[in-house]
Amino acid sequence: MPSWKGIAGALALASLGVPAGAEPLWGIQVEQLEYQAGEDENVLAYDLDAFVGSDEAKVVWRSEGELSLEEEAWEALENQLRVQVPVSTFFDAVAGVRVETPEGPNRVHAVIGLHGLAQQWFEVDADLFLSDHPSLRVEAEYEGLITNRIILVPSIELEVPFSDDPASEVGAWGPKLEVGLRLSYDLVDRAISPYIGVHYERVFGETASIARANGEDPGAVFFVAGTRLMF
């Protein structure tokens, strides 16, 4: 007689569009695992996605964080659990929950958005975070092949808060911009790709005013070295 655990697992896979007896699709992609060296601060940062499901629907765990080596504390840490379903040939609709644990108090948000490939093969994420402190984040990244193994990856991320959040040192409509340029080499196919590059981040508006009032520079440049991993 099948166990309740086995029945529950089969129902869960069926809900993701995986036929009975079929192996679900799964994968882990560590987009960034890097050391960031700045003028006033050194940071360890990571950004990863793990998914399981089918072409019809996937459950995705997304996690990213920044660990300050001087303070030995997380400057930023967030985890998302998302469901992705295709809405066109190149885009998935996204819904889920985001748990954010920055330097200030923890925040929990609902997430809705789009993920996919725009024209010219730009990978795009556009997510709306809904809570007492809502915000919008848009990310874009492009992989430019210099050779079959050497890849130049420009990226840009913009997050716009819609309300004041003094505990997290964020002002309404004071966006945070991050721009990166990384040059990678596919050491083992696409599974291991070490890279070097530069990363720039800056806050604007009321968020920048809060940073200056706290004696902090609203902008910073980091030289980075790390690797991309894919399983």
Protein backbone atom coordinates (compact mmCIF):
# COMPACT_ATOMS: atom_id res chain seq x y z
CA MET A 1 0.00 0.00 0.00
CA PRO A 2 1.48 3.41 -0.92
CA SER A 3 2.41 5.66 1.98
CA TRP A 4 0.79 9.01 2.64
CA LYS A 5 4.21 10.58 1.98
CA GLY A 6 4.37 8.97 -1.46
CA ILE A 7 0.81 10.04 -2.28
CA ALA A 8 1.53 13.63 -1.17
CA GLY A 9 4.70 13.71 -3.26
CA ALA A 10 2.86 12.45 -6.34
CA LEU A 11 0.13 15.06 -5.89
CA ALA A 12 2.73 17.80 -5.49
CA LEU A 13 4.48 16.81 -8.72
CA ALA A 14 1.16 16.53 -10.54
CA SER A 15 0.29 20.06 -9.44
CA LEU A 16 3.50 21.21 -11.18
CA GLY A 17 2.55 19.48 -14.41
CA VAL A 18 4.88 16.47 -13.96
CA PRO A 19 3.24 13.25 -15.25
CA ALA A 20 3.11 10.24 -12.92
CA GLY A 21 6.33 8.23 -13.16
CA ALA A 22 8.22 11.07 -14.87
CA GLU A 23 11.31 12.64 -13.41
CA PRO A 24 10.82 16.34 -12.57
CA LEU A 25 13.16 18.93 -14.04
CA TRP A 26 15.50 20.49 -11.52
CA GLY A 27 18.60 22.63 -11.39
CA ILE A 28 20.75 24.99 -9.33
CA GLN A 29 22.40 28.10 -10.75
CA VAL A 30 24.74 30.22 -8.65
CA GLU A 31 24.77 33.39 -10.71
CA GLN A 32 27.27 35.12 -8.44
CA LEU A 33 29.59 33.84 -5.73
CA GLU A 34 32.14 36.58 -5.28
CA TYR A 35 34.50 38.69 -3.21
CA GLN A 36 33.91 42.44 -3.56
CA ALA A 37 36.84 44.70 -2.69
CA GLY A 38 35.92 48.34 -2.08
CA GLU A 39 37.72 51.44 -0.82
CA ASP A 40 36.07 51.33 2.60
CA GLU A 41 34.54 47.86 2.73
CA ASN A 42 35.04 44.28 1.62
CA VAL A 43 32.03 42.03 1.01
CA LEU A 44 31.25 38.41 0.26
CA ALA A 45 28.16 38.22 -1.98
CA TYR A 46 26.10 35.47 -3.55
CA ASP A 47 23.03 35.15 -5.79
CA LEU A 48 21.48 31.77 -6.57
CA ASP A 49 18.35 30.09 -7.95
CA ALA A 50 17.20 26.49 -7.44
CA PHE A 51 14.14 25.08 -9.18
CA VAL A 52 12.07 21.91 -9.53
CA GLY A 53 9.05 21.25 -11.72
CA SER A 54 8.23 20.99 -15.41
CA ASP A 55 7.92 23.13 -18.52
CA GLU A 56 4.38 24.00 -17.40
CA ALA A 57 5.24 25.16 -13.86
CA LYS A 58 8.27 25.45 -11.59
CA VAL A 59 8.85 26.11 -7.92
CA VAL A 60 11.88 28.36 -7.53
CA TRP A 61 13.92 29.18 -4.44
CA ARG A 62 15.87 32.40 -4.94
CA SER A 63 18.43 33.56 -2.40
CA GLU A 64 20.93 36.42 -2.31
CA GLY A 65 23.00 38.10 0.33
CA GLU A 66 25.91 40.41 1.14
CA LEU A 67 28.18 39.72 4.13
CA SER A 68 30.35 42.59 5.39
CA LEU A 69 33.76 41.21 6.34
CA GLU A 70 34.61 44.21 8.53
CA GLU A 71 31.43 44.02 10.59
CA GLU A 72 31.08 40.21 10.25
CA ALA A 73 27.33 40.74 9.69
CA TRP A 74 24.85 40.48 6.85
CA GLU A 75 24.24 43.83 5.18
CA ALA A 76 21.52 42.28 3.04
CA LEU A 77 19.92 38.85 3.01
CA GLU A 78 16.75 37.73 1.28
CA ASN A 79 15.04 34.50 0.28
CA GLN A 80 12.13 34.04 -2.09
CA LEU A 81 9.90 31.05 -2.77
CA ARG A 82 8.21 31.54 -6.13
CA VAL A 83 6.01 29.67 -8.58
CA GLN A 84 6.71 30.34 -12.27
CA VAL A 85 4.28 29.51 -15.08
CA PRO A 86 4.74 30.43 -18.76
CA VAL A 87 2.57 33.22 -20.16
CA SER A 88 4.33 33.49 -23.54
CA THR A 89 7.15 31.86 -25.47
CA PHE A 90 9.82 33.80 -23.61
CA PHE A 91 8.24 34.96 -20.34
CA ASP A 92 6.98 33.37 -17.11
CA ALA A 93 4.60 34.92 -14.62
CA VAL A 94 5.87 34.80 -11.04
CA ALA A 95 4.06 34.71 -7.69
CA GLY A 96 5.36 33.92 -4.24
CA VAL A 97 6.74 35.28 -1.00
CA ARG A 98 9.93 37.17 -0.13
CA VAL A 99 11.54 37.19 3.32
CA GLU A 100 14.07 40.00 3.74
CA THR A 101 16.44 40.24 6.68
CA PRO A 102 18.50 43.43 6.20
CA GLU A 103 20.36 45.39 8.88
CA GLY A 104 17.00 46.66 10.10
CA PRO A 105 13.91 44.60 11.05
CA ASN A 106 12.83 41.58 9.05
CA ARG A 107 10.34 42.16 6.26
CA VAL A 108 7.91 39.76 4.57
CA HIS A 109 6.47 40.61 1.14
CA ALA A 110 4.18 39.02 -1.39
CA VAL A 111 5.83 38.85 -4.84
CA ILE A 112 4.28 39.14 -8.28
CA GLY A 113 6.26 39.67 -11.46
CA LEU A 114 7.63 38.56 -14.82
CA HIS A 115 10.80 36.64 -15.66
CA GLY A 116 12.18 35.87 -19.08
CA LEU A 117 14.07 36.95 -22.19
CA ALA A 118 13.42 40.31 -23.82
CA GLN A 119 14.47 41.35 -27.33
CA GLN A 120 18.17 40.92 -28.12
CA TRP A 121 18.25 38.10 -25.49
CA PHE A 122 18.36 40.27 -22.39
CA GLU A 123 17.37 38.27 -19.30
CA VAL A 124 14.84 40.38 -17.41
CA ASP A 125 13.23 40.17 -13.97
CA ALA A 126 10.53 42.64 -12.95
CA ASP A 127 9.12 42.05 -9.46
CA LEU A 128 6.60 43.97 -7.37
CA PHE A 129 6.97 43.41 -3.61
CA LEU A 130 3.74 44.01 -1.67
CA SER A 131 3.70 44.71 2.08
CA ASP A 132 3.60 47.66 4.49
CA HIS A 133 6.75 48.82 2.65
CA PRO A 134 6.12 48.03 -1.03
CA SER A 135 8.79 48.36 -3.72
CA LEU A 136 9.53 47.53 -7.35
CA ARG A 137 12.71 45.86 -8.58
CA VAL A 138 13.79 45.53 -12.20
CA GLU A 139 16.89 43.55 -13.22
CA ALA A 140 18.44 43.02 -16.66
CA GLU A 141 21.48 40.99 -17.70
CA TYR A 142 23.09 40.13 -21.02
CA GLU A 143 25.63 37.43 -21.87
CA GLY A 144 27.88 38.67 -24.69
CA LEU A 145 29.99 35.89 -26.17
CA ILE A 146 33.51 37.06 -27.02
CA THR A 147 34.51 33.45 -27.78
CA ASN A 148 32.78 30.14 -27.05
CA ARG A 149 34.27 30.24 -23.54
CA ILE A 150 34.90 33.91 -22.77
CA ILE A 151 31.72 35.82 -21.89
CA LEU A 152 31.20 39.49 -20.98
CA VAL A 153 28.17 39.98 -18.72
CA PRO A 154 26.82 43.52 -18.16
CA SER A 155 24.01 43.79 -15.61
CA ILE A 156 21.80 46.47 -14.09
CA GLU A 157 19.36 46.42 -11.16
CA LEU A 158 17.07 49.19 -9.95
CA GLU A 159 14.90 48.97 -6.83
CA VAL A 160 12.41 51.74 -6.04
CA PRO A 161 10.78 51.91 -2.57
CA PHE A 162 7.27 53.34 -2.46
CA SER A 163 7.24 54.30 1.23
CA ASP A 164 9.54 55.52 3.98
CA ASP A 165 11.19 52.79 6.05
CA PRO A 166 13.44 54.58 8.56
CA ALA A 167 14.31 51.35 10.40
CA SER A 168 15.90 50.05 7.18
CA GLU A 169 17.37 53.47 6.27
CA VAL A 170 15.22 53.76 3.13
CA GLY A 171 13.32 56.84 1.95
CA ALA A 172 10.23 56.80 -0.26
CA TRP A 173 11.08 56.99 -3.98
CA GLY A 174 14.79 56.95 -3.14
CA PRO A 175 15.97 54.20 -5.52
CA LYS A 176 19.02 51.97 -5.30
CA LEU A 177 20.95 51.34 -8.50
CA GLU A 178 23.46 48.55 -9.07
CA VAL A 179 25.51 48.20 -12.25
CA GLY A 180 27.99 45.42 -12.93
CA LEU A 181 30.38 44.24 -15.65
CA ARG A 182 31.92 40.77 -15.31
CA LEU A 183 34.24 38.86 -17.64
CA SER A 184 33.96 35.10 -17.20
CA TYR A 185 35.67 32.01 -18.61
CA ASP A 186 33.83 28.69 -18.97
CA LEU A 187 36.35 26.44 -17.27
CA VAL A 188 34.14 23.31 -17.28
CA ASP A 189 31.45 23.81 -19.95
CA ARG A 190 28.93 26.15 -18.25
CA ALA A 191 29.22 24.35 -14.91
CA ILE A 192 32.17 26.36 -13.53
CA SER A 193 32.88 29.85 -14.84
CA PRO A 194 35.33 31.99 -12.83
CA TYR A 195 35.18 35.71 -13.47
CA ILE A 196 36.55 39.14 -12.60
CA GLY A 197 34.82 42.46 -12.92
CA VAL A 198 33.59 45.70 -11.42
CA HIS A 199 30.43 46.48 -9.46
CA TYR A 200 28.95 49.93 -8.79
CA GLU A 201 26.05 50.75 -6.49
CA ARG A 202 24.44 54.00 -5.43
CA VAL A 203 21.32 55.22 -3.66
CA PHE A 204 19.44 58.39 -4.60
CA GLY A 205 16.87 60.80 -3.25
CA GLU A 206 15.78 60.52 0.36
CA THR A 207 17.67 57.24 0.77
CA ALA A 208 20.89 59.04 -0.18
CA SER A 209 20.07 61.83 2.31
CA ILE A 210 19.68 59.23 5.07
CA ALA A 211 23.04 57.68 4.12
CA ARG A 212 24.81 61.07 4.26
CA ALA A 213 23.20 61.87 7.62
CA ASN A 214 24.66 58.61 8.93
CA GLY A 215 28.12 59.55 7.65
CA GLU A 216 27.98 57.09 4.74
CA ASP A 217 28.78 57.61 1.07
CA PRO A 218 25.67 57.05 -1.09
CA GLY A 219 27.81 55.43 -3.79
CA ALA A 220 30.54 52.79 -3.91
CA VAL A 221 32.69 50.95 -6.45
CA PHE A 222 33.90 47.39 -5.92
CA PHE A 223 36.33 45.23 -7.85
CA VAL A 224 35.05 41.66 -7.84
CA ALA A 225 36.40 38.15 -8.33
CA GLY A 226 34.25 35.03 -8.15
CA THR A 227 32.68 32.20 -10.04
CA ARG A 228 29.38 31.14 -11.58
CA LEU A 229 28.23 27.58 -10.90
CA MET A 230 25.56 25.50 -12.59
CA PHE A 231 24.31 22.03 -11.64
